[in-house]
Amino acid sequence: MDYVSALVPPVVMAVFFIGLIRVIVKTQGGANKAKEDAAVDAALARAEGAKQASGSAGDA
């Protein structure tokens, strides 16, 4: 019975890991992908705008 108690933790971890990977794969893309992409694009545009504004202010 020692082999059973030795194998249970790795098996449990493997099951949870497989579940985690399935959740990650399922949440990629889908209906919210466009909203997520738009949010990232907006954040990058704000950061780029702030960077350009601070560069322009330093030149004046």
C-alpha atoms as a PDB file:
ATOM      1  CA  MET A   1       0.000   0.000   0.000  1.00  0.00           C
ATOM      2  CA  ASP A   2       3.023   2.303   0.222  1.00  0.00           C
ATOM      3  CA  TYR A   3       3.072   2.559  -3.564  1.00  0.00           C
ATOM      4  CA  VAL A   4      -0.514   3.883  -3.557  1.00  0.00           C
ATOM      5  CA  SER A   5       0.298   6.624  -1.055  1.00  0.00           C
ATOM      6  CA  ALA A   6       3.418   7.459  -3.088  1.00  0.00           C
ATOM      7  CA  LEU A   7       1.466   7.758  -6.355  1.00  0.00           C
ATOM      8  CA  VAL A   8      -1.557   9.717  -5.125  1.00  0.00           C
ATOM      9  CA  PRO A   9       0.070  13.203  -4.869  1.00  0.00           C
ATOM     10  CA  PRO A  10       1.561  13.173  -8.403  1.00  0.00           C
ATOM     11  CA  VAL A  11      -1.685  11.866  -9.872  1.00  0.00           C
ATOM     12  CA  VAL A  12      -3.717  14.546  -8.095  1.00  0.00           C
ATOM     13  CA  MET A  13      -1.302  17.258  -9.236  1.00  0.00           C
ATOM     14  CA  ALA A  14      -1.438  15.940 -12.810  1.00  0.00           C
ATOM     15  CA  VAL A  15      -5.240  16.028 -12.812  1.00  0.00           C
ATOM     16  CA  PHE A  16      -5.289  19.619 -11.534  1.00  0.00           C
ATOM     17  CA  PHE A  17      -2.607  20.645 -14.028  1.00  0.00           C
ATOM     18  CA  ILE A  18      -4.564  19.156 -16.930  1.00  0.00           C
ATOM     19  CA  GLY A  19      -7.661  20.995 -15.690  1.00  0.00           C
ATOM     20  CA  LEU A  20      -5.724  24.256 -15.520  1.00  0.00           C
ATOM     21  CA  ILE A  21      -4.426  23.847 -19.060  1.00  0.00           C
ATOM     22  CA  ARG A  22      -7.944  23.089 -20.317  1.00  0.00           C
ATOM     23  CA  VAL A  23      -9.291  26.271 -18.667  1.00  0.00           C
ATOM     24  CA  ILE A  24      -6.483  28.366 -20.149  1.00  0.00           C
ATOM     25  CA  VAL A  25      -7.058  26.955 -23.629  1.00  0.00           C
ATOM     26  CA  LYS A  26     -10.841  27.398 -23.421  1.00  0.00           C
ATOM     27  CA  THR A  27     -10.582  31.039 -22.316  1.00  0.00           C
ATOM     28  CA  GLN A  28      -8.285  31.998 -25.196  1.00  0.00           C
ATOM     29  CA  GLY A  29     -10.194  33.708 -27.951  1.00  0.00           C
ATOM     30  CA  GLY A  30     -13.951  33.491 -27.919  1.00  0.00           C
ATOM     31  CA  ALA A  31     -16.465  36.286 -27.536  1.00  0.00           C
ATOM     32  CA  ASN A  32     -14.315  38.442 -25.253  1.00  0.00           C
ATOM     33  CA  LYS A  33     -11.193  38.346 -27.422  1.00  0.00           C
ATOM     34  CA  ALA A  34     -12.120  41.503 -29.333  1.00  0.00           C
ATOM     35  CA  LYS A  35     -12.820  43.390 -26.094  1.00  0.00           C
ATOM     36  CA  GLU A  36      -9.567  42.209 -24.545  1.00  0.00           C
ATOM     37  CA  ASP A  37      -7.588  43.146 -27.646  1.00  0.00           C
ATOM     38  CA  ALA A  38      -9.237  46.581 -27.732  1.00  0.00           C
ATOM     39  CA  ALA A  39      -8.396  47.163 -24.057  1.00  0.00           C
ATOM     40  CA  VAL A  40      -4.744  46.262 -24.639  1.00  0.00           C
ATOM     41  CA  ASP A  41      -4.568  48.457 -27.739  1.00  0.00           C
ATOM     42  CA  ALA A  42      -6.088  51.381 -25.819  1.00  0.00           C
ATOM     43  CA  ALA A  43      -3.619  50.950 -22.954  1.00  0.00           C
ATOM     44  CA  LEU A  44      -0.693  50.845 -25.370  1.00  0.00           C
ATOM     45  CA  ALA A  45      -1.978  53.937 -27.173  1.00  0.00           C
ATOM     46  CA  ARG A  46      -2.296  55.809 -23.866  1.00  0.00           C
ATOM     47  CA  ALA A  47       1.234  54.813 -22.869  1.00  0.00           C
ATOM     48  CA  GLU A  48       2.606  55.855 -26.251  1.00  0.00           C
ATOM     49  CA  GLY A  49       0.705  59.155 -26.090  1.00  0.00           C
ATOM     50  CA  ALA A  50       2.037  59.906 -22.624  1.00  0.00           C
ATOM     51  CA  LYS A  51       5.557  59.063 -23.752  1.00  0.00           C
ATOM     52  CA  GLN A  52       5.274  61.394 -26.751  1.00  0.00           C
ATOM     53  CA  ALA A  53       3.703  64.157 -24.653  1.00  0.00           C
ATOM     54  CA  SER A  54       6.500  64.036 -22.092  1.00  0.00           C
ATOM     55  CA  GLY A  55       9.077  64.044 -24.903  1.00  0.00           C
ATOM     56  CA  SER A  56       7.429  67.053 -26.558  1.00  0.00           C
ATOM     57  CA  ALA A  57       7.232  68.961 -23.268  1.00  0.00           C
ATOM     58  CA  GLY A  58      10.950  68.449 -22.732  1.00  0.00           C
ATOM     59  CA  ASP A  59      11.746  69.892 -26.156  1.00  0.00           C
ATOM     60  CA  ALA A  60       9.852  73.145 -25.572  1.00  0.00           C
END
